[in-house]
Amino acid sequence: MYKIIFIIGLCLATLASKAQQTEQEKDILKLMEVNGSAASYDLVYQQMVQQFKMMKSGVAQSVWDSAKTDVFDKEIVYLKKDLIPVYAKNFTPEEVKQLIAFYTSPLGMKLVDGTTKISKESMQVAQQWGMSLAQKIQSYLADRGL
C-alpha cells in the first residue's frame, strides 16, 4: 500500500515539476520578448542580409524577405529554446517575473525602445568605423610593403 502511495506521490511531484518548468519556460520566453531580445535578433538578421547583399547583389529584396520568413523566423525559435537554460541558470523564477514586470512598466519599455534605437544607430556607426579602420590598416601594411 505504501509503495502505491509513494509511486502516486512521485508521479504527482514529477507532473507538478514539469508544469512549473513549463511555466518558467513560458515566463523566460515572455522576458525575451519584453526585454528587447527579439528586436535585437531582427537587427542581427538585417545586418546579415546587408552582408549577403554585398556578396549577392543580384538577389531581389523579395527573396531576402522570404528568407526571413522561411529560414530566420523558424531558426530563431531554436535559438530562444537554447537560451531558456541560460536565463534559468542566471535568474530564479521569481526574478524572471520581476524582470517581466519591470520591462512592461513605462520605464522598462522606454529602456527597451532606447536600447533598440541606440543599438541600431551604434551598428551603423561601428560599421562605418570598421570600414575606415580597415582602410587605415591596409594603408599601414602598404606603407611597410606588405
N, C-alpha and C. Protein backbone atom coordinates (compact mmCIF):
# COMPACT_ATOMS: atom_id res chain seq x y z
N MET A 1 0.82 -1.19 0.00
CA MET A 1 0.00 0.00 0.00
C MET A 1 0.86 1.26 0.00
N TYR A 2 1.90 1.24 0.85
CA TYR A 2 2.77 2.42 0.93
C TYR A 2 3.51 2.65 -0.39
N LYS A 3 3.84 1.53 -1.07
CA LYS A 3 4.52 1.66 -2.36
C LYS A 3 3.63 2.37 -3.36
N ILE A 4 2.36 2.01 -3.38
CA ILE A 4 1.42 2.63 -4.32
C ILE A 4 1.28 4.12 -4.03
N ILE A 5 1.15 4.47 -2.75
CA ILE A 5 1.02 5.88 -2.37
C ILE A 5 2.31 6.62 -2.73
N PHE A 6 3.45 5.98 -2.50
CA PHE A 6 4.73 6.59 -2.83
C PHE A 6 4.84 6.84 -4.34
N ILE A 7 4.46 5.85 -5.12
CA ILE A 7 4.53 5.96 -6.59
C ILE A 7 3.59 7.06 -7.08
N ILE A 8 2.38 7.10 -6.54
CA ILE A 8 1.42 8.14 -6.93
C ILE A 8 1.97 9.51 -6.55
N GLY A 9 2.53 9.62 -5.35
CA GLY A 9 3.12 10.89 -4.91
C GLY A 9 4.27 11.29 -5.80
N LEU A 10 5.10 10.34 -6.17
CA LEU A 10 6.24 10.62 -7.05
C LEU A 10 5.75 11.09 -8.42
N CYS A 11 4.73 10.45 -8.94
CA CYS A 11 4.17 10.86 -10.24
C CYS A 11 3.60 12.27 -10.17
N LEU A 12 2.87 12.55 -9.09
CA LEU A 12 2.30 13.89 -8.94
C LEU A 12 3.39 14.95 -8.80
N ALA A 13 4.44 14.63 -8.07
CA ALA A 13 5.55 15.57 -7.91
C ALA A 13 6.23 15.83 -9.24
N THR A 14 6.39 14.77 -10.03
CA THR A 14 7.00 14.91 -11.35
C THR A 14 6.14 15.78 -12.25
N LEU A 15 4.85 15.54 -12.24
CA LEU A 15 3.94 16.35 -13.06
C LEU A 15 3.96 17.81 -12.62
N ALA A 16 3.96 18.02 -11.31
CA ALA A 16 3.99 19.39 -10.80
C ALA A 16 5.28 20.08 -11.20
N SER A 17 6.40 19.36 -11.15
CA SER A 17 7.68 19.96 -11.52
C SER A 17 7.72 20.26 -13.01
N LYS A 18 7.12 19.41 -13.83
CA LYS A 18 7.05 19.67 -15.27
C LYS A 18 6.19 20.90 -15.55
N ALA A 19 5.08 21.02 -14.85
CA ALA A 19 4.21 22.18 -15.04
C ALA A 19 4.93 23.45 -14.62
N GLN A 20 5.65 23.37 -13.51
CA GLN A 20 6.41 24.53 -13.02
C GLN A 20 7.50 24.89 -14.03
N GLN A 21 8.18 23.90 -14.55
CA GLN A 21 9.22 24.14 -15.53
C GLN A 21 8.61 24.77 -16.78
N THR A 22 7.47 24.30 -17.21
CA THR A 22 6.80 24.86 -18.37
C THR A 22 6.41 26.31 -18.11
N GLU A 23 5.92 26.61 -16.91
CA GLU A 23 5.58 27.99 -16.57
C GLU A 23 6.84 28.86 -16.60
N GLN A 24 7.94 28.34 -16.05
CA GLN A 24 9.19 29.10 -16.06
C GLN A 24 9.66 29.33 -17.50
N GLU A 25 9.57 28.30 -18.33
CA GLU A 25 9.97 28.45 -19.73
C GLU A 25 9.12 29.51 -20.43
N LYS A 26 7.82 29.49 -20.18
CA LYS A 26 6.93 30.49 -20.77
C LYS A 26 7.31 31.89 -20.30
N ASP A 27 7.61 32.01 -19.00
CA ASP A 27 8.00 33.31 -18.47
C ASP A 27 9.31 33.79 -19.09
N ILE A 28 10.26 32.88 -19.25
CA ILE A 28 11.54 33.27 -19.86
C ILE A 28 11.33 33.71 -21.31
N LEU A 29 10.50 32.99 -22.04
CA LEU A 29 10.20 33.40 -23.42
C LEU A 29 9.53 34.78 -23.44
N LYS A 30 8.63 35.01 -22.50
CA LYS A 30 7.99 36.33 -22.41
C LYS A 30 9.03 37.39 -22.09
N LEU A 31 9.95 37.09 -21.17
CA LEU A 31 11.00 38.03 -20.83
C LEU A 31 11.84 38.37 -22.06
N MET A 32 12.16 37.36 -22.85
CA MET A 32 12.94 37.61 -24.08
C MET A 32 12.20 38.55 -25.02
N GLU A 33 10.89 38.45 -25.03
CA GLU A 33 10.10 39.34 -25.88
C GLU A 33 10.08 40.77 -25.35
N VAL A 34 9.81 40.91 -24.05
CA VAL A 34 9.63 42.25 -23.50
C VAL A 34 10.94 42.98 -23.23
N ASN A 35 12.06 42.24 -23.13
CA ASN A 35 13.32 42.91 -22.84
C ASN A 35 14.06 43.39 -24.09
N GLY A 36 13.47 43.18 -25.25
CA GLY A 36 14.07 43.67 -26.48
C GLY A 36 14.93 42.66 -27.21
N SER A 37 15.05 41.46 -26.67
CA SER A 37 15.88 40.46 -27.34
C SER A 37 15.38 40.17 -28.75
N ALA A 38 14.07 40.06 -28.90
CA ALA A 38 13.50 39.77 -30.22
C ALA A 38 13.88 40.85 -31.23
N ALA A 39 13.82 42.09 -30.79
CA ALA A 39 14.19 43.19 -31.68
C ALA A 39 15.67 43.12 -32.04
N SER A 40 16.50 42.72 -31.09
CA SER A 40 17.93 42.63 -31.39
C SER A 40 18.22 41.50 -32.36
N TYR A 41 17.45 40.41 -32.29
CA TYR A 41 17.63 39.33 -33.25
C TYR A 41 17.31 39.82 -34.66
N ASP A 42 16.26 40.64 -34.77
CA ASP A 42 15.90 41.19 -36.07
C ASP A 42 17.01 42.10 -36.60
N LEU A 43 17.64 42.86 -35.71
CA LEU A 43 18.76 43.71 -36.13
C LEU A 43 19.91 42.86 -36.65
N VAL A 44 20.18 41.76 -35.99
CA VAL A 44 21.24 40.86 -36.43
C VAL A 44 20.91 40.33 -37.82
N TYR A 45 19.65 39.95 -38.03
CA TYR A 45 19.26 39.46 -39.36
C TYR A 45 19.46 40.55 -40.41
N GLN A 46 19.05 41.76 -40.11
CA GLN A 46 19.22 42.86 -41.06
C GLN A 46 20.69 43.06 -41.41
N GLN A 47 21.56 42.97 -40.41
CA GLN A 47 23.00 43.11 -40.65
C GLN A 47 23.51 41.96 -41.53
N MET A 48 23.04 40.75 -41.25
CA MET A 48 23.46 39.60 -42.06
C MET A 48 23.04 39.79 -43.51
N VAL A 49 21.82 40.24 -43.69
CA VAL A 49 21.31 40.44 -45.05
C VAL A 49 22.14 41.50 -45.77
N GLN A 50 22.51 42.56 -45.07
CA GLN A 50 23.35 43.59 -45.69
C GLN A 50 24.67 42.98 -46.18
N GLN A 51 25.25 42.10 -45.39
CA GLN A 51 26.49 41.44 -45.79
C GLN A 51 26.25 40.53 -47.00
N PHE A 52 25.16 39.77 -46.97
CA PHE A 52 24.84 38.89 -48.09
C PHE A 52 24.58 39.69 -49.37
N LYS A 53 23.93 40.84 -49.22
CA LYS A 53 23.62 41.67 -50.39
C LYS A 53 24.90 42.14 -51.08
N MET A 54 25.95 42.36 -50.32
CA MET A 54 27.23 42.76 -50.92
C MET A 54 27.80 41.62 -51.74
N MET A 55 27.60 40.39 -51.28
CA MET A 55 28.13 39.22 -51.98
C MET A 55 27.20 38.77 -53.11
N LYS A 56 25.91 38.98 -52.93
CA LYS A 56 24.90 38.52 -53.88
C LYS A 56 24.00 39.68 -54.26
N SER A 57 24.57 40.64 -54.96
CA SER A 57 23.86 41.89 -55.25
C SER A 57 22.66 41.71 -56.19
N GLY A 58 22.63 40.64 -56.94
CA GLY A 58 21.54 40.44 -57.89
C GLY A 58 20.29 39.82 -57.30
N VAL A 59 20.32 39.50 -56.02
CA VAL A 59 19.17 38.84 -55.39
C VAL A 59 18.11 39.90 -55.04
N ALA A 60 16.88 39.62 -55.45
CA ALA A 60 15.77 40.57 -55.22
C ALA A 60 15.43 40.66 -53.74
N GLN A 61 14.92 41.83 -53.34
CA GLN A 61 14.53 42.04 -51.94
C GLN A 61 13.47 41.04 -51.50
N SER A 62 12.60 40.65 -52.42
CA SER A 62 11.55 39.69 -52.07
C SER A 62 12.14 38.35 -51.62
N VAL A 63 13.30 37.98 -52.16
CA VAL A 63 13.96 36.74 -51.75
C VAL A 63 14.48 36.88 -50.32
N TRP A 64 15.06 38.05 -50.01
CA TRP A 64 15.54 38.27 -48.64
C TRP A 64 14.38 38.28 -47.65
N ASP A 65 13.26 38.87 -48.08
CA ASP A 65 12.07 38.88 -47.22
C ASP A 65 11.56 37.45 -46.99
N SER A 66 11.56 36.65 -48.04
CA SER A 66 11.13 35.25 -47.91
C SER A 66 12.10 34.46 -47.03
N ALA A 67 13.40 34.74 -47.17
CA ALA A 67 14.40 34.05 -46.35
C ALA A 67 14.16 34.34 -44.87
N LYS A 68 13.75 35.55 -44.57
CA LYS A 68 13.47 35.89 -43.17
C LYS A 68 12.33 35.01 -42.64
N THR A 69 11.28 34.90 -43.43
CA THR A 69 10.13 34.11 -43.01
C THR A 69 10.43 32.61 -43.03
N ASP A 70 11.04 32.16 -44.12
CA ASP A 70 11.23 30.72 -44.31
C ASP A 70 12.41 30.14 -43.52
N VAL A 71 13.41 30.95 -43.22
CA VAL A 71 14.60 30.44 -42.55
C VAL A 71 14.77 31.08 -41.17
N PHE A 72 14.97 32.39 -41.15
CA PHE A 72 15.30 33.08 -39.90
C PHE A 72 14.22 32.91 -38.84
N ASP A 73 12.97 33.18 -39.20
CA ASP A 73 11.89 33.12 -38.21
C ASP A 73 11.73 31.71 -37.63
N LYS A 74 12.05 30.70 -38.42
CA LYS A 74 11.98 29.33 -37.92
C LYS A 74 13.17 29.01 -37.03
N GLU A 75 14.34 29.47 -37.44
CA GLU A 75 15.56 29.19 -36.67
C GLU A 75 15.61 29.94 -35.35
N ILE A 76 14.99 31.11 -35.30
CA ILE A 76 15.01 31.90 -34.07
C ILE A 76 14.29 31.18 -32.94
N VAL A 77 13.34 30.34 -33.30
CA VAL A 77 12.63 29.53 -32.29
C VAL A 77 13.63 28.61 -31.58
N TYR A 78 14.57 28.03 -32.35
CA TYR A 78 15.58 27.15 -31.75
C TYR A 78 16.55 27.94 -30.88
N LEU A 79 16.91 29.14 -31.32
CA LEU A 79 17.80 29.97 -30.51
C LEU A 79 17.15 30.29 -29.17
N LYS A 80 15.89 30.70 -29.21
CA LYS A 80 15.19 31.02 -27.96
C LYS A 80 15.13 29.80 -27.05
N LYS A 81 14.85 28.65 -27.63
CA LYS A 81 14.78 27.42 -26.84
C LYS A 81 16.14 27.13 -26.20
N ASP A 82 17.22 27.36 -26.95
CA ASP A 82 18.57 27.13 -26.42
C ASP A 82 18.95 28.15 -25.34
N LEU A 83 18.33 29.33 -25.38
CA LEU A 83 18.64 30.36 -24.40
C LEU A 83 17.87 30.20 -23.09
N ILE A 84 16.80 29.44 -23.10
CA ILE A 84 16.00 29.25 -21.88
C ILE A 84 16.86 28.76 -20.71
N PRO A 85 17.70 27.73 -20.90
CA PRO A 85 18.52 27.28 -19.76
C PRO A 85 19.52 28.35 -19.28
N VAL A 86 19.97 29.20 -20.19
CA VAL A 86 20.89 30.27 -19.81
C VAL A 86 20.20 31.24 -18.86
N TYR A 87 18.99 31.64 -19.23
CA TYR A 87 18.21 32.53 -18.35
C TYR A 87 17.89 31.82 -17.04
N ALA A 88 17.47 30.56 -17.12
CA ALA A 88 17.08 29.81 -15.93
C ALA A 88 18.25 29.64 -14.97
N LYS A 89 19.45 29.54 -15.51
CA LYS A 89 20.64 29.38 -14.69
C LYS A 89 20.98 30.68 -13.95
N ASN A 90 20.63 31.80 -14.55
CA ASN A 90 21.05 33.09 -14.01
C ASN A 90 19.96 33.84 -13.24
N PHE A 91 18.71 33.43 -13.42
CA PHE A 91 17.60 34.11 -12.74
C PHE A 91 16.65 33.08 -12.15
N THR A 92 16.20 33.34 -10.94
CA THR A 92 15.19 32.48 -10.33
C THR A 92 13.85 32.75 -11.03
N PRO A 93 12.89 31.84 -10.88
CA PRO A 93 11.57 32.10 -11.48
C PRO A 93 10.97 33.42 -11.00
N GLU A 94 11.15 33.74 -9.72
CA GLU A 94 10.62 35.00 -9.18
C GLU A 94 11.32 36.21 -9.81
N GLU A 95 12.62 36.12 -10.00
CA GLU A 95 13.36 37.21 -10.64
C GLU A 95 12.90 37.42 -12.08
N VAL A 96 12.63 36.33 -12.77
CA VAL A 96 12.13 36.44 -14.15
C VAL A 96 10.80 37.20 -14.14
N LYS A 97 9.92 36.86 -13.22
CA LYS A 97 8.63 37.56 -13.11
C LYS A 97 8.84 39.05 -12.80
N GLN A 98 9.79 39.35 -11.92
CA GLN A 98 10.07 40.75 -11.59
C GLN A 98 10.65 41.49 -12.79
N LEU A 99 11.50 40.82 -13.55
CA LEU A 99 12.06 41.45 -14.76
C LEU A 99 10.96 41.72 -15.79
N ILE A 100 10.04 40.78 -15.94
CA ILE A 100 8.91 40.99 -16.86
C ILE A 100 8.12 42.21 -16.40
N ALA A 101 7.87 42.29 -15.09
CA ALA A 101 7.12 43.44 -14.57
C ALA A 101 7.87 44.74 -14.86
N PHE A 102 9.18 44.74 -14.70
CA PHE A 102 9.96 45.94 -14.98
C PHE A 102 9.89 46.29 -16.47
N TYR A 103 10.16 45.32 -17.33
CA TYR A 103 10.21 45.61 -18.77
C TYR A 103 8.84 45.96 -19.36
N THR A 104 7.77 45.64 -18.66
CA THR A 104 6.44 46.04 -19.14
C THR A 104 5.97 47.33 -18.48
N SER A 105 6.80 47.88 -17.60
CA SER A 105 6.48 49.18 -16.98
C SER A 105 6.87 50.30 -17.96
N PRO A 106 6.37 51.51 -17.77
CA PRO A 106 6.74 52.61 -18.67
C PRO A 106 8.25 52.82 -18.78
N LEU A 107 8.96 52.77 -17.66
CA LEU A 107 10.41 52.96 -17.70
C LEU A 107 11.09 51.79 -18.42
N GLY A 108 10.64 50.59 -18.15
CA GLY A 108 11.21 49.41 -18.83
C GLY A 108 11.00 49.47 -20.33
N MET A 109 9.79 49.88 -20.75
CA MET A 109 9.52 49.99 -22.19
C MET A 109 10.37 51.09 -22.82
N LYS A 110 10.59 52.17 -22.07
CA LYS A 110 11.45 53.24 -22.57
C LYS A 110 12.88 52.74 -22.72
N LEU A 111 13.34 51.94 -21.75
CA LEU A 111 14.68 51.36 -21.83
C LEU A 111 14.81 50.47 -23.06
N VAL A 112 13.83 49.61 -23.28
CA VAL A 112 13.88 48.72 -24.44
C VAL A 112 13.89 49.53 -25.73
N ASP A 113 13.00 50.50 -25.83
CA ASP A 113 12.93 51.33 -27.03
C ASP A 113 14.24 52.08 -27.26
N GLY A 114 14.77 52.67 -26.19
CA GLY A 114 16.03 53.41 -26.30
C GLY A 114 17.19 52.50 -26.65
N THR A 115 17.24 51.34 -26.03
CA THR A 115 18.33 50.39 -26.30
C THR A 115 18.28 49.91 -27.75
N THR A 116 17.08 49.64 -28.26
CA THR A 116 16.93 49.20 -29.64
C THR A 116 17.42 50.29 -30.59
N LYS A 117 17.00 51.51 -30.36
CA LYS A 117 17.42 52.62 -31.22
C LYS A 117 18.93 52.84 -31.13
N ILE A 118 19.44 52.82 -29.91
CA ILE A 118 20.88 53.01 -29.72
C ILE A 118 21.67 51.89 -30.40
N SER A 119 21.20 50.66 -30.27
CA SER A 119 21.88 49.53 -30.90
C SER A 119 21.91 49.68 -32.41
N LYS A 120 20.78 50.06 -32.97
CA LYS A 120 20.70 50.21 -34.43
C LYS A 120 21.66 51.31 -34.90
N GLU A 121 21.62 52.44 -34.24
CA GLU A 121 22.50 53.55 -34.62
C GLU A 121 23.96 53.19 -34.36
N SER A 122 24.21 52.49 -33.26
CA SER A 122 25.59 52.10 -32.93
C SER A 122 26.15 51.15 -33.98
N MET A 123 25.32 50.24 -34.48
CA MET A 123 25.78 49.31 -35.51
C MET A 123 26.20 50.07 -36.77
N GLN A 124 25.42 51.08 -37.13
CA GLN A 124 25.76 51.88 -38.31
C GLN A 124 27.07 52.62 -38.09
N VAL A 125 27.22 53.23 -36.93
CA VAL A 125 28.45 53.96 -36.61
C VAL A 125 29.63 52.99 -36.59
N ALA A 126 29.46 51.85 -35.94
CA ALA A 126 30.54 50.86 -35.85
C ALA A 126 30.91 50.31 -37.23
N GLN A 127 29.93 50.13 -38.09
CA GLN A 127 30.21 49.64 -39.44
C GLN A 127 31.05 50.65 -40.22
N GLN A 128 30.70 51.92 -40.12
CA GLN A 128 31.49 52.96 -40.79
C GLN A 128 32.89 53.03 -40.19
N TRP A 129 32.98 52.95 -38.88
CA TRP A 129 34.27 52.96 -38.21
C TRP A 129 35.11 51.77 -38.67
N GLY A 130 34.49 50.60 -38.75
CA GLY A 130 35.19 49.39 -39.18
C GLY A 130 35.74 49.51 -40.59
N MET A 131 34.96 50.10 -41.49
CA MET A 131 35.44 50.29 -42.87
C MET A 131 36.62 51.26 -42.89
N SER A 132 36.53 52.33 -42.11
CA SER A 132 37.62 53.29 -42.01
C SER A 132 38.86 52.64 -41.42
N LEU A 133 38.68 51.86 -40.39
CA LEU A 133 39.79 51.16 -39.76
C LEU A 133 40.45 50.20 -40.75
N ALA A 134 39.65 49.47 -41.50
CA ALA A 134 40.19 48.53 -42.49
C ALA A 134 41.05 49.26 -43.51
N GLN A 135 40.61 50.43 -43.96
CA GLN A 135 41.40 51.22 -44.91
C GLN A 135 42.71 51.66 -44.29
N LYS A 136 42.68 52.08 -43.04
CA LYS A 136 43.90 52.52 -42.36
C LYS A 136 44.87 51.36 -42.17
N ILE A 137 44.37 50.20 -41.85
CA ILE A 137 45.24 49.03 -41.70
C ILE A 137 45.84 48.65 -43.04
N GLN A 138 45.03 48.72 -44.11
CA GLN A 138 45.55 48.43 -45.44
C GLN A 138 46.65 49.42 -45.81
N SER A 139 46.46 50.70 -45.52
CA SER A 139 47.49 51.71 -45.77
C SER A 139 48.74 51.44 -44.94
N TYR A 140 48.54 51.08 -43.70
CA TYR A 140 49.66 50.77 -42.80
C TYR A 140 50.50 49.63 -43.38
N LEU A 141 49.81 48.57 -43.81
CA LEU A 141 50.50 47.43 -44.40
C LEU A 141 51.18 47.81 -45.71
N ALA A 142 50.52 48.61 -46.53
CA ALA A 142 51.08 49.03 -47.81
C ALA A 142 52.33 49.88 -47.60
N ASP A 143 52.30 50.75 -46.60
CA ASP A 143 53.47 51.59 -46.27
C ASP A 143 54.68 50.74 -45.88
N ARG A 144 54.43 49.54 -45.42
CA ARG A 144 55.52 48.65 -45.00
C ARG A 144 55.82 47.60 -46.07
N GLY A 145 55.24 47.80 -47.25
CA GLY A 145 55.50 46.89 -48.37
C GLY A 145 54.87 45.53 -48.19
N LEU A 146 53.84 45.46 -47.40
CA LEU A 146 53.17 44.17 -47.16
C LEU A 146 51.85 44.08 -47.87
